[in-house]
Amino acid sequence: MNMIHSFSIDHIARGLAHPLIAEFWQQWQRDAQSQSGLSSYSASLRARMTLSASTIADDMAPELLAVGPQSFIAACFGSAWAREATLHARTPDANLEQISARGYLKAISGEPSLDIVKATITGENGRRMGVHYERLILPIRTSGQHLVIGCMAAPLAPICWLPEPGEQDHLECSSTGNRPREYVQAPLSNVSRRERYVHGPGALQIPC
């Protein structure tokens, strides 16, 4: 089962968001006041963001315009894919594109979209992985005042590669596709707080 649970943006002000999500939100608010556009975002934030087009077709997430080399999506699908992602315009997983579309549509309409996602996705090599992350999707103006959609995703648990049929029943957890036994764990306080929301009442259940 894939699950997306949406939050009010007030969760950030209450200190319930991942620090990376909070930093992205604070920069977006500063940019709204200064109207300086994407160029005002730090290199560190841009390296962790993805940028997408501001239109949606076929109930899929919008086409990718840029993938930060340190973004969570790059960790999921690998650095080689991230470097060429804009040539393909989408991730290798069609289900992920479909379940992500609602959040992007909200951002395109001008509203921030804050969600926690727990899903099973498939990489380019067909290997399935379990992912659990928080994401914030925001409309951003470029210096030329063109609208793009920025997404910041922060892992709440290690990426876990799921066993294929016939393999031993074990998981390999990692933050990158190339090093399956290494991972970066989100702070325990943040993870434990979010687990209550992910499994709480009102969570949106979407079949795989």
N, C-alpha and C. Protein backbone atom coordinates (compact mmCIF):
# COMPACT_ATOMS: atom_id res chain seq x y z
N MET A 1 0.83 -1.20 0.00
CA MET A 1 0.00 0.00 0.00
C MET A 1 0.87 1.25 0.00
N ASN A 2 0.49 2.22 -0.83
CA ASN A 2 1.12 3.53 -0.80
C ASN A 2 0.23 4.46 -0.01
N MET A 3 0.84 5.31 0.78
CA MET A 3 0.07 6.17 1.66
C MET A 3 0.62 7.59 1.61
N ILE A 4 -0.29 8.55 1.46
CA ILE A 4 0.06 9.97 1.52
C ILE A 4 -0.83 10.62 2.55
N HIS A 5 -0.21 11.32 3.48
CA HIS A 5 -0.98 12.04 4.49
C HIS A 5 -0.61 13.52 4.40
N SER A 6 -1.59 14.36 4.19
CA SER A 6 -1.37 15.80 4.03
C SER A 6 -1.52 16.52 5.36
N PHE A 7 -0.73 17.59 5.52
CA PHE A 7 -0.74 18.39 6.74
C PHE A 7 -1.05 19.84 6.42
N SER A 8 -1.54 20.54 7.43
CA SER A 8 -1.61 21.99 7.36
C SER A 8 -0.19 22.54 7.41
N ILE A 9 0.04 23.64 6.71
CA ILE A 9 1.37 24.25 6.71
C ILE A 9 1.74 24.75 8.10
N ASP A 10 0.76 24.87 8.99
CA ASP A 10 1.02 25.30 10.37
C ASP A 10 1.95 24.33 11.11
N HIS A 11 2.03 23.10 10.64
CA HIS A 11 2.92 22.13 11.29
C HIS A 11 4.37 22.60 11.27
N ILE A 12 4.74 23.38 10.26
CA ILE A 12 6.11 23.87 10.19
C ILE A 12 6.36 24.88 11.31
N ALA A 13 5.43 25.83 11.47
CA ALA A 13 5.58 26.85 12.51
C ALA A 13 5.57 26.22 13.90
N ARG A 14 4.91 25.09 14.05
CA ARG A 14 4.84 24.41 15.35
C ARG A 14 6.07 23.53 15.61
N GLY A 15 7.01 23.55 14.72
CA GLY A 15 8.24 22.79 14.91
C GLY A 15 8.11 21.30 14.65
N LEU A 16 7.09 20.89 13.90
CA LEU A 16 6.85 19.47 13.65
C LEU A 16 7.43 18.99 12.33
N ALA A 17 7.99 19.89 11.55
CA ALA A 17 8.52 19.51 10.24
C ALA A 17 10.00 19.15 10.34
N HIS A 18 10.46 18.35 9.41
CA HIS A 18 11.88 18.05 9.29
C HIS A 18 12.64 19.37 9.10
N PRO A 19 13.84 19.52 9.69
CA PRO A 19 14.59 20.78 9.57
C PRO A 19 14.82 21.22 8.13
N LEU A 20 15.04 20.29 7.22
CA LEU A 20 15.26 20.65 5.82
C LEU A 20 13.99 21.22 5.20
N ILE A 21 12.84 20.65 5.56
CA ILE A 21 11.56 21.17 5.10
C ILE A 21 11.33 22.57 5.65
N ALA A 22 11.64 22.76 6.92
CA ALA A 22 11.46 24.07 7.56
C ALA A 22 12.35 25.12 6.89
N GLU A 23 13.58 24.75 6.58
CA GLU A 23 14.50 25.69 5.93
C GLU A 23 13.98 26.10 4.55
N PHE A 24 13.46 25.14 3.80
CA PHE A 24 12.90 25.40 2.48
C PHE A 24 11.71 26.36 2.58
N TRP A 25 10.85 26.12 3.55
CA TRP A 25 9.68 26.96 3.76
C TRP A 25 10.08 28.40 4.15
N GLN A 26 11.04 28.52 5.03
CA GLN A 26 11.48 29.85 5.47
C GLN A 26 12.09 30.64 4.32
N GLN A 27 12.86 29.97 3.47
CA GLN A 27 13.43 30.66 2.31
C GLN A 27 12.32 31.08 1.35
N TRP A 28 11.33 30.23 1.17
CA TRP A 28 10.21 30.56 0.27
C TRP A 28 9.46 31.79 0.78
N GLN A 29 9.27 31.88 2.09
CA GLN A 29 8.61 33.05 2.66
C GLN A 29 9.44 34.31 2.46
N ARG A 30 10.76 34.21 2.66
CA ARG A 30 11.62 35.37 2.43
C ARG A 30 11.56 35.80 0.97
N ASP A 31 11.55 34.83 0.07
CA ASP A 31 11.50 35.14 -1.35
C ASP A 31 10.18 35.80 -1.72
N ALA A 32 9.09 35.39 -1.05
CA ALA A 32 7.78 36.01 -1.32
C ALA A 32 7.80 37.50 -0.99
N GLN A 33 8.59 37.87 -0.01
CA GLN A 33 8.69 39.28 0.37
C GLN A 33 9.63 40.05 -0.54
N SER A 34 10.76 39.43 -0.88
CA SER A 34 11.76 40.14 -1.69
C SER A 34 11.51 40.01 -3.19
N GLN A 35 10.78 38.95 -3.59
CA GLN A 35 10.49 38.65 -5.00
C GLN A 35 11.77 38.55 -5.83
N SER A 36 12.81 38.01 -5.21
CA SER A 36 14.08 37.87 -5.92
C SER A 36 14.15 36.56 -6.72
N GLY A 37 13.22 35.66 -6.46
CA GLY A 37 13.14 34.45 -7.26
C GLY A 37 14.09 33.35 -6.84
N LEU A 38 14.23 32.38 -7.71
CA LEU A 38 14.99 31.16 -7.42
C LEU A 38 16.46 31.45 -7.10
N SER A 39 16.99 32.52 -7.64
CA SER A 39 18.41 32.84 -7.42
C SER A 39 18.71 33.15 -5.96
N SER A 40 17.69 33.47 -5.16
CA SER A 40 17.92 33.79 -3.76
C SER A 40 18.09 32.53 -2.89
N TYR A 41 17.80 31.36 -3.44
CA TYR A 41 17.93 30.12 -2.68
C TYR A 41 19.40 29.72 -2.61
N SER A 42 19.81 29.25 -1.46
CA SER A 42 21.21 28.88 -1.27
C SER A 42 21.58 27.70 -2.16
N ALA A 43 22.87 27.57 -2.42
CA ALA A 43 23.34 26.43 -3.22
C ALA A 43 23.02 25.11 -2.53
N SER A 44 23.06 25.12 -1.19
CA SER A 44 22.76 23.90 -0.43
C SER A 44 21.31 23.47 -0.64
N LEU A 45 20.39 24.43 -0.61
CA LEU A 45 18.98 24.10 -0.83
C LEU A 45 18.75 23.64 -2.27
N ARG A 46 19.34 24.34 -3.23
CA ARG A 46 19.12 23.97 -4.63
C ARG A 46 19.66 22.58 -4.92
N ALA A 47 20.72 22.19 -4.24
CA ALA A 47 21.28 20.85 -4.45
C ALA A 47 20.37 19.76 -3.94
N ARG A 48 19.44 20.11 -3.06
CA ARG A 48 18.54 19.13 -2.46
C ARG A 48 17.11 19.21 -3.02
N MET A 49 16.88 20.11 -3.95
CA MET A 49 15.56 20.33 -4.51
C MET A 49 15.40 19.62 -5.85
N THR A 50 14.14 19.46 -6.24
CA THR A 50 13.82 19.19 -7.64
C THR A 50 12.95 20.32 -8.13
N LEU A 51 13.08 20.63 -9.40
CA LEU A 51 12.24 21.64 -10.03
C LEU A 51 11.46 20.98 -11.16
N SER A 52 10.18 21.34 -11.26
CA SER A 52 9.32 20.75 -12.27
C SER A 52 8.56 21.83 -13.01
N ALA A 53 7.99 21.44 -14.14
CA ALA A 53 7.17 22.37 -14.91
C ALA A 53 5.90 22.71 -14.14
N SER A 54 5.22 23.74 -14.59
CA SER A 54 4.02 24.21 -13.88
C SER A 54 2.73 23.76 -14.55
N THR A 55 2.81 22.66 -15.30
CA THR A 55 1.62 22.08 -15.92
C THR A 55 1.61 20.58 -15.68
N ILE A 56 0.39 20.03 -15.60
CA ILE A 56 0.21 18.59 -15.39
C ILE A 56 -0.62 18.02 -16.53
N ALA A 57 -0.23 16.85 -17.00
CA ALA A 57 -0.98 16.17 -18.05
C ALA A 57 -1.10 14.70 -17.68
N ASP A 58 -2.22 14.09 -18.07
CA ASP A 58 -2.45 12.65 -17.89
C ASP A 58 -2.39 12.21 -16.43
N ASP A 59 -2.79 13.11 -15.52
CA ASP A 59 -2.82 12.78 -14.08
C ASP A 59 -1.47 12.32 -13.55
N MET A 60 -0.40 12.83 -14.13
CA MET A 60 0.95 12.51 -13.69
C MET A 60 1.60 13.77 -13.14
N ALA A 61 2.60 13.59 -12.30
CA ALA A 61 3.37 14.74 -11.81
C ALA A 61 3.98 15.48 -13.01
N PRO A 62 4.20 16.78 -12.88
CA PRO A 62 4.75 17.54 -14.02
C PRO A 62 6.16 17.09 -14.38
N GLU A 63 6.56 17.41 -15.59
CA GLU A 63 7.87 17.00 -16.07
C GLU A 63 8.98 17.67 -15.27
N LEU A 64 10.05 16.93 -15.04
CA LEU A 64 11.19 17.44 -14.30
C LEU A 64 12.00 18.43 -15.13
N LEU A 65 12.41 19.52 -14.47
CA LEU A 65 13.28 20.51 -15.11
C LEU A 65 14.69 20.45 -14.55
N ALA A 66 14.83 20.05 -13.29
CA ALA A 66 16.14 19.96 -12.66
C ALA A 66 16.05 19.03 -11.46
N VAL A 67 17.10 18.25 -11.24
CA VAL A 67 17.16 17.34 -10.10
C VAL A 67 18.45 17.62 -9.35
N GLY A 68 18.33 18.07 -8.11
CA GLY A 68 19.52 18.34 -7.31
C GLY A 68 20.30 17.07 -7.05
N PRO A 69 21.64 17.12 -7.13
CA PRO A 69 22.45 15.91 -6.94
C PRO A 69 22.36 15.32 -5.54
N GLN A 70 21.95 16.13 -4.56
CA GLN A 70 21.81 15.64 -3.19
C GLN A 70 20.34 15.49 -2.79
N SER A 71 19.45 15.53 -3.75
CA SER A 71 18.02 15.41 -3.46
C SER A 71 17.66 13.97 -3.08
N PHE A 72 16.54 13.81 -2.41
CA PHE A 72 16.10 12.48 -2.02
C PHE A 72 15.78 11.63 -3.24
N ILE A 73 15.25 12.24 -4.28
CA ILE A 73 14.92 11.48 -5.49
C ILE A 73 16.19 10.95 -6.15
N ALA A 74 17.29 11.71 -6.05
CA ALA A 74 18.56 11.22 -6.58
C ALA A 74 19.07 10.04 -5.76
N ALA A 75 18.84 10.09 -4.44
CA ALA A 75 19.23 8.96 -3.59
C ALA A 75 18.43 7.71 -3.94
N CYS A 76 17.16 7.89 -4.29
CA CYS A 76 16.30 6.75 -4.63
C CYS A 76 16.70 6.10 -5.95
N PHE A 77 16.93 6.90 -6.96
CA PHE A 77 17.11 6.36 -8.31
C PHE A 77 18.56 6.39 -8.78
N GLY A 78 19.46 6.95 -7.98
CA GLY A 78 20.87 6.91 -8.30
C GLY A 78 21.39 8.16 -8.96
N SER A 79 22.69 8.42 -8.77
CA SER A 79 23.29 9.65 -9.29
C SER A 79 23.33 9.66 -10.82
N ALA A 80 23.53 8.50 -11.43
CA ALA A 80 23.56 8.45 -12.89
C ALA A 80 22.21 8.85 -13.47
N TRP A 81 21.12 8.33 -12.88
CA TRP A 81 19.79 8.72 -13.34
C TRP A 81 19.57 10.22 -13.11
N ALA A 82 19.97 10.73 -11.95
CA ALA A 82 19.74 12.15 -11.62
C ALA A 82 20.40 13.07 -12.63
N ARG A 83 21.59 12.69 -13.10
CA ARG A 83 22.29 13.54 -14.07
C ARG A 83 21.54 13.62 -15.39
N GLU A 84 20.79 12.57 -15.74
CA GLU A 84 20.08 12.53 -17.01
C GLU A 84 18.57 12.63 -16.85
N ALA A 85 18.11 12.95 -15.65
CA ALA A 85 16.67 12.91 -15.35
C ALA A 85 15.86 13.82 -16.26
N THR A 86 16.39 15.00 -16.56
CA THR A 86 15.60 15.93 -17.37
C THR A 86 15.45 15.46 -18.82
N LEU A 87 16.33 14.55 -19.25
CA LEU A 87 16.17 13.98 -20.60
C LEU A 87 14.96 13.07 -20.65
N HIS A 88 14.67 12.39 -19.53
CA HIS A 88 13.54 11.47 -19.47
C HIS A 88 12.28 12.16 -18.95
N ALA A 89 12.45 13.26 -18.24
CA ALA A 89 11.36 14.12 -17.77
C ALA A 89 10.58 13.56 -16.59
N ARG A 90 10.71 12.25 -16.32
CA ARG A 90 9.95 11.66 -15.22
C ARG A 90 10.82 10.63 -14.48
N THR A 91 10.35 10.23 -13.31
CA THR A 91 11.03 9.17 -12.58
C THR A 91 10.73 7.82 -13.26
N PRO A 92 11.49 6.78 -12.92
CA PRO A 92 11.21 5.47 -13.52
C PRO A 92 9.92 4.82 -13.02
N ASP A 93 9.27 5.39 -12.00
CA ASP A 93 8.11 4.74 -11.39
C ASP A 93 6.82 5.49 -11.71
N ALA A 94 5.97 4.89 -12.55
CA ALA A 94 4.73 5.54 -12.95
C ALA A 94 3.76 5.71 -11.78
N ASN A 95 3.74 4.74 -10.85
CA ASN A 95 2.86 4.86 -9.69
C ASN A 95 3.23 6.07 -8.84
N LEU A 96 4.53 6.30 -8.67
CA LEU A 96 4.98 7.46 -7.91
C LEU A 96 4.55 8.75 -8.60
N GLU A 97 4.64 8.78 -9.91
CA GLU A 97 4.21 9.95 -10.67
C GLU A 97 2.72 10.23 -10.45
N GLN A 98 1.93 9.18 -10.38
CA GLN A 98 0.49 9.35 -10.23
C GLN A 98 0.11 9.79 -8.82
N ILE A 99 0.71 9.16 -7.80
CA ILE A 99 0.32 9.53 -6.44
C ILE A 99 0.88 10.89 -6.05
N SER A 100 1.89 11.37 -6.76
CA SER A 100 2.47 12.68 -6.46
C SER A 100 1.70 13.82 -7.12
N ALA A 101 0.88 13.49 -8.11
CA ALA A 101 0.26 14.53 -8.93
C ALA A 101 -0.60 15.50 -8.10
N ARG A 102 -1.32 14.99 -7.11
CA ARG A 102 -2.23 15.86 -6.35
C ARG A 102 -1.47 16.98 -5.65
N GLY A 103 -0.34 16.67 -5.04
CA GLY A 103 0.44 17.69 -4.36
C GLY A 103 0.97 18.74 -5.32
N TYR A 104 1.41 18.30 -6.49
CA TYR A 104 1.90 19.25 -7.49
C TYR A 104 0.78 20.13 -8.02
N LEU A 105 -0.40 19.54 -8.21
CA LEU A 105 -1.53 20.32 -8.70
C LEU A 105 -1.90 21.42 -7.71
N LYS A 106 -1.82 21.10 -6.43
CA LYS A 106 -2.09 22.09 -5.39
C LYS A 106 -1.08 23.24 -5.45
N ALA A 107 0.19 22.89 -5.61
CA ALA A 107 1.23 23.92 -5.69
C ALA A 107 1.07 24.78 -6.95
N ILE A 108 0.70 24.17 -8.05
CA ILE A 108 0.49 24.91 -9.29
C ILE A 108 -0.62 25.95 -9.12
N SER A 109 -1.61 25.61 -8.29
CA SER A 109 -2.71 26.55 -8.05
C SER A 109 -2.31 27.67 -7.08
N GLY A 110 -1.08 27.58 -6.53
CA GLY A 110 -0.58 28.64 -5.66
C GLY A 110 -0.52 28.29 -4.19
N GLU A 111 -0.94 27.06 -3.81
CA GLU A 111 -0.96 26.67 -2.41
C GLU A 111 0.20 25.73 -2.08
N PRO A 112 0.85 25.95 -0.95
CA PRO A 112 1.88 24.99 -0.52
C PRO A 112 1.27 23.62 -0.25
N SER A 113 2.01 22.57 -0.52
CA SER A 113 1.55 21.21 -0.27
C SER A 113 2.56 20.49 0.61
N LEU A 114 2.15 20.18 1.84
CA LEU A 114 3.01 19.50 2.81
C LEU A 114 2.44 18.11 3.07
N ASP A 115 3.25 17.09 2.83
CA ASP A 115 2.77 15.71 2.94
C ASP A 115 3.84 14.80 3.53
N ILE A 116 3.39 13.68 4.04
CA ILE A 116 4.28 12.55 4.33
C ILE A 116 3.88 11.41 3.40
N VAL A 117 4.87 10.81 2.79
CA VAL A 117 4.65 9.75 1.81
C VAL A 117 5.32 8.48 2.31
N LYS A 118 4.61 7.39 2.24
CA LYS A 118 5.18 6.07 2.52
C LYS A 118 4.76 5.17 1.37
N ALA A 119 5.72 4.67 0.62
CA ALA A 119 5.38 3.97 -0.62
C ALA A 119 6.43 2.93 -0.97
N THR A 120 6.02 2.03 -1.85
CA THR A 120 6.93 1.09 -2.49
C THR A 120 7.10 1.54 -3.92
N ILE A 121 8.34 1.81 -4.33
CA ILE A 121 8.58 2.29 -5.68
C ILE A 121 9.59 1.38 -6.37
N THR A 122 9.72 1.56 -7.67
CA THR A 122 10.59 0.71 -8.48
C THR A 122 11.64 1.54 -9.18
N GLY A 123 12.90 1.12 -9.07
CA GLY A 123 13.99 1.82 -9.71
C GLY A 123 14.16 1.43 -11.17
N GLU A 124 15.16 2.03 -11.81
CA GLU A 124 15.39 1.77 -13.23
C GLU A 124 15.71 0.30 -13.51
N ASN A 125 16.36 -0.36 -12.56
CA ASN A 125 16.74 -1.75 -12.76
C ASN A 125 15.63 -2.72 -12.36
N GLY A 126 14.44 -2.19 -12.02
CA GLY A 126 13.32 -3.03 -11.64
C GLY A 126 13.30 -3.43 -10.19
N ARG A 127 14.31 -3.00 -9.42
CA ARG A 127 14.37 -3.35 -8.00
C ARG A 127 13.39 -2.50 -7.21
N ARG A 128 12.62 -3.13 -6.35
CA ARG A 128 11.63 -2.41 -5.54
C ARG A 128 12.28 -1.90 -4.26
N MET A 129 11.84 -0.74 -3.82
CA MET A 129 12.35 -0.16 -2.58
C MET A 129 11.22 0.48 -1.79
N GLY A 130 11.34 0.43 -0.49
CA GLY A 130 10.39 1.10 0.38
C GLY A 130 10.94 2.46 0.77
N VAL A 131 10.12 3.49 0.63
CA VAL A 131 10.55 4.85 0.97
C VAL A 131 9.55 5.48 1.93
N HIS A 132 10.05 6.35 2.78
CA HIS A 132 9.23 7.03 3.79
C HIS A 132 9.82 8.42 3.95
N TYR A 133 9.10 9.44 3.49
CA TYR A 133 9.68 10.77 3.48
C TYR A 133 8.62 11.85 3.65
N GLU A 134 9.09 13.01 4.06
CA GLU A 134 8.26 14.21 4.15
C GLU A 134 8.60 15.09 2.96
N ARG A 135 7.59 15.73 2.38
CA ARG A 135 7.87 16.58 1.23
C ARG A 135 7.08 17.89 1.32
N LEU A 136 7.67 18.93 0.79
CA LEU A 136 7.01 20.23 0.68
C LEU A 136 7.13 20.68 -0.77
N ILE A 137 5.99 20.96 -1.39
CA ILE A 137 5.96 21.37 -2.79
C ILE A 137 5.46 22.81 -2.85
N LEU A 138 6.23 23.68 -3.51
CA LEU A 138 5.93 25.11 -3.52
C LEU A 138 6.05 25.70 -4.92
N PRO A 139 5.22 26.67 -5.24
CA PRO A 139 5.41 27.41 -6.50
C PRO A 139 6.51 28.44 -6.33
N ILE A 140 7.44 28.49 -7.27
CA ILE A 140 8.58 29.40 -7.20
C ILE A 140 8.70 30.14 -8.52
N ARG A 141 9.05 31.42 -8.43
CA ARG A 141 9.31 32.21 -9.63
C ARG A 141 10.81 32.24 -9.92
N THR A 142 11.17 32.11 -11.17
CA THR A 142 12.57 32.28 -11.56
C THR A 142 12.88 33.77 -11.63
N SER A 143 14.14 34.11 -11.88
CA SER A 143 14.50 35.52 -12.01
C SER A 143 13.79 36.17 -13.19
N GLY A 144 13.40 35.37 -14.17
CA GLY A 144 12.64 35.88 -15.30
C GLY A 144 11.14 35.84 -15.07
N GLN A 145 10.74 35.54 -13.83
CA GLN A 145 9.33 35.50 -13.43
C GLN A 145 8.54 34.37 -14.08
N HIS A 146 9.23 33.31 -14.46
CA HIS A 146 8.54 32.12 -14.93
C HIS A 146 8.22 31.24 -13.72
N LEU A 147 7.05 30.61 -13.73
CA LEU A 147 6.64 29.76 -12.61
C LEU A 147 7.21 28.36 -12.77
N VAL A 148 7.89 27.88 -11.75
CA VAL A 148 8.32 26.49 -11.67
C VAL A 148 7.84 25.94 -10.33
N ILE A 149 7.87 24.63 -10.21
CA ILE A 149 7.41 23.99 -8.97
C ILE A 149 8.59 23.33 -8.29
N GLY A 150 8.88 23.79 -7.08
CA GLY A 150 9.99 23.24 -6.32
C GLY A 150 9.50 22.22 -5.31
N CYS A 151 10.24 21.14 -5.17
CA CYS A 151 9.90 20.10 -4.20
C CYS A 151 11.12 19.79 -3.35
N MET A 152 10.93 19.79 -2.04
CA MET A 152 11.96 19.37 -1.11
C MET A 152 11.44 18.12 -0.40
N ALA A 153 12.20 17.05 -0.45
CA ALA A 153 11.82 15.81 0.22
C ALA A 153 12.91 15.45 1.22
N ALA A 154 12.49 15.09 2.43
CA ALA A 154 13.42 14.74 3.50
C ALA A 154 13.10 13.33 4.00
N PRO A 155 14.07 12.42 3.99
CA PRO A 155 13.79 11.04 4.41
C PRO A 155 13.48 10.97 5.90
N LEU A 156 12.49 10.15 6.24
CA LEU A 156 12.13 9.89 7.63
C LEU A 156 12.61 8.51 8.08
N ALA A 157 13.10 7.75 7.13
CA ALA A 157 13.63 6.41 7.42
C ALA A 157 14.57 6.06 6.28
N PRO A 158 15.48 5.10 6.48
CA PRO A 158 16.36 4.68 5.38
C PRO A 158 15.56 4.11 4.22
N ILE A 159 16.11 4.27 3.02
CA ILE A 159 15.54 3.59 1.85
C ILE A 159 15.81 2.10 2.02
N CYS A 160 14.79 1.26 1.86
CA CYS A 160 14.95 -0.18 2.05
C CYS A 160 14.67 -0.91 0.75
N TRP A 161 15.67 -1.63 0.26
CA TRP A 161 15.48 -2.44 -0.94
C TRP A 161 14.78 -3.73 -0.56
N LEU A 162 13.68 -4.02 -1.22
CA LEU A 162 12.83 -5.15 -0.86
C LEU A 162 13.30 -6.41 -1.59
N PRO A 163 13.17 -7.56 -0.95
CA PRO A 163 13.62 -8.80 -1.58
C PRO A 163 12.76 -9.16 -2.79
N GLU A 164 13.41 -9.66 -3.80
CA GLU A 164 12.71 -10.14 -4.99
C GLU A 164 12.25 -11.58 -4.75
N PRO A 165 11.27 -12.06 -5.52
CA PRO A 165 10.85 -13.45 -5.37
C PRO A 165 12.03 -14.40 -5.49
N GLY A 166 12.15 -15.31 -4.54
CA GLY A 166 13.24 -16.27 -4.56
C GLY A 166 14.45 -15.84 -3.77
N GLU A 167 14.52 -14.56 -3.41
CA GLU A 167 15.63 -14.09 -2.59
C GLU A 167 15.35 -14.38 -1.12
N GLN A 168 16.38 -14.30 -0.31
CA GLN A 168 16.19 -14.45 1.12
C GLN A 168 15.35 -13.30 1.64
N ASP A 169 14.60 -13.57 2.67
CA ASP A 169 13.67 -12.57 3.22
C ASP A 169 14.43 -11.60 4.12
N HIS A 170 15.07 -10.63 3.50
CA HIS A 170 15.77 -9.60 4.27
C HIS A 170 15.71 -8.28 3.52
N LEU A 171 15.98 -7.22 4.23
CA LEU A 171 15.97 -5.89 3.64
C LEU A 171 17.37 -5.32 3.65
N GLU A 172 17.70 -4.56 2.62
CA GLU A 172 18.94 -3.80 2.59
C GLU A 172 18.56 -2.33 2.60
N CYS A 173 19.06 -1.59 3.57
CA CYS A 173 18.64 -0.21 3.74
C CYS A 173 19.79 0.74 3.42
N SER A 174 19.45 1.82 2.72
CA SER A 174 20.47 2.73 2.25
C SER A 174 19.88 4.08 1.92
N SER A 175 20.76 5.08 1.78
CA SER A 175 20.33 6.39 1.28
C SER A 175 20.68 6.56 -0.19
N THR A 176 21.42 5.62 -0.78
CA THR A 176 21.78 5.73 -2.18
C THR A 176 21.61 4.40 -2.85
N GLY A 177 21.42 4.45 -4.18
CA GLY A 177 21.27 3.21 -4.93
C GLY A 177 22.58 2.46 -5.09
N ASN A 178 23.70 3.13 -4.90
CA ASN A 178 24.99 2.49 -5.16
C ASN A 178 25.61 1.87 -3.92
N ARG A 179 25.14 2.25 -2.73
CA ARG A 179 25.72 1.74 -1.50
C ARG A 179 24.60 1.21 -0.60
N PRO A 180 24.08 0.03 -0.87
CA PRO A 180 22.87 -0.43 -0.20
C PRO A 180 23.01 -0.68 1.29
N ARG A 181 24.22 -0.65 1.83
CA ARG A 181 24.35 -0.91 3.26
C ARG A 181 24.67 0.35 4.06
N GLU A 182 24.63 1.52 3.40
CA GLU A 182 24.86 2.76 4.10
C GLU A 182 23.59 3.59 4.04
N TYR A 183 23.33 4.34 5.09
CA TYR A 183 22.14 5.19 5.06
C TYR A 183 22.33 6.37 6.00
N VAL A 184 21.46 7.37 5.76
CA VAL A 184 21.40 8.52 6.65
C VAL A 184 20.06 8.48 7.35
N GLN A 185 20.05 8.40 8.65
CA GLN A 185 18.82 8.29 9.43
C GLN A 185 18.36 9.67 9.87
N ALA A 186 17.09 9.97 9.66
CA ALA A 186 16.54 11.23 10.17
C ALA A 186 16.59 11.22 11.69
N PRO A 187 16.65 12.42 12.32
CA PRO A 187 16.67 12.46 13.79
C PRO A 187 15.53 11.68 14.39
N LEU A 188 15.79 10.92 15.44
CA LEU A 188 14.78 10.04 16.02
C LEU A 188 13.58 10.82 16.52
N SER A 189 13.80 12.02 17.04
CA SER A 189 12.67 12.79 17.55
C SER A 189 11.72 13.15 16.43
N ASN A 190 12.27 13.49 15.25
CA ASN A 190 11.42 13.82 14.12
C ASN A 190 10.68 12.59 13.61
N VAL A 191 11.38 11.47 13.53
CA VAL A 191 10.75 10.25 13.03
C VAL A 191 9.61 9.83 13.94
N SER A 192 9.84 9.82 15.24
CA SER A 192 8.81 9.33 16.16
C SER A 192 7.59 10.23 16.13
N ARG A 193 7.79 11.54 16.00
CA ARG A 193 6.64 12.43 15.94
C ARG A 193 5.83 12.18 14.69
N ARG A 194 6.54 11.94 13.57
CA ARG A 194 5.81 11.77 12.32
C ARG A 194 5.10 10.43 12.22
N GLU A 195 5.63 9.42 12.87
CA GLU A 195 4.97 8.12 12.83
C GLU A 195 3.54 8.23 13.35
N ARG A 196 3.31 9.10 14.32
CA ARG A 196 1.96 9.25 14.86
C ARG A 196 1.02 9.79 13.80
N TYR A 197 1.53 10.68 12.97
CA TYR A 197 0.67 11.26 11.95
C TYR A 197 0.47 10.30 10.78
N VAL A 198 1.54 9.61 10.39
CA VAL A 198 1.44 8.73 9.23
C VAL A 198 0.39 7.64 9.46
N HIS A 199 0.33 7.12 10.66
CA HIS A 199 -0.60 6.03 10.95
C HIS A 199 -1.87 6.51 11.65
N GLY A 200 -2.02 7.83 11.75
CA GLY A 200 -3.19 8.37 12.44
C GLY A 200 -4.43 8.35 11.58
N PRO A 201 -5.56 8.72 12.15
CA PRO A 201 -6.82 8.70 11.40
C PRO A 201 -6.77 9.73 10.26
N GLY A 202 -7.44 9.43 9.20
CA GLY A 202 -7.55 10.36 8.06
C GLY A 202 -6.46 10.20 7.04
N ALA A 203 -5.52 9.27 7.25
CA ALA A 203 -4.46 9.07 6.26
C ALA A 203 -5.08 8.55 4.97
N LEU A 204 -4.59 9.07 3.85
CA LEU A 204 -5.13 8.69 2.55
C LEU A 204 -4.48 7.39 2.10
N GLN A 205 -5.27 6.36 1.91
CA GLN A 205 -4.76 5.06 1.48
C GLN A 205 -4.94 4.93 -0.04
N ILE A 206 -3.84 4.64 -0.74
CA ILE A 206 -3.90 4.49 -2.18
C ILE A 206 -3.30 3.14 -2.54
N PRO A 207 -4.05 2.26 -3.18
CA PRO A 207 -3.50 0.93 -3.53
C PRO A 207 -2.31 1.06 -4.45
N CYS A 208 -1.34 0.13 -4.31
CA CYS A 208 -0.20 0.10 -5.23
C CYS A 208 -0.68 -0.21 -6.64
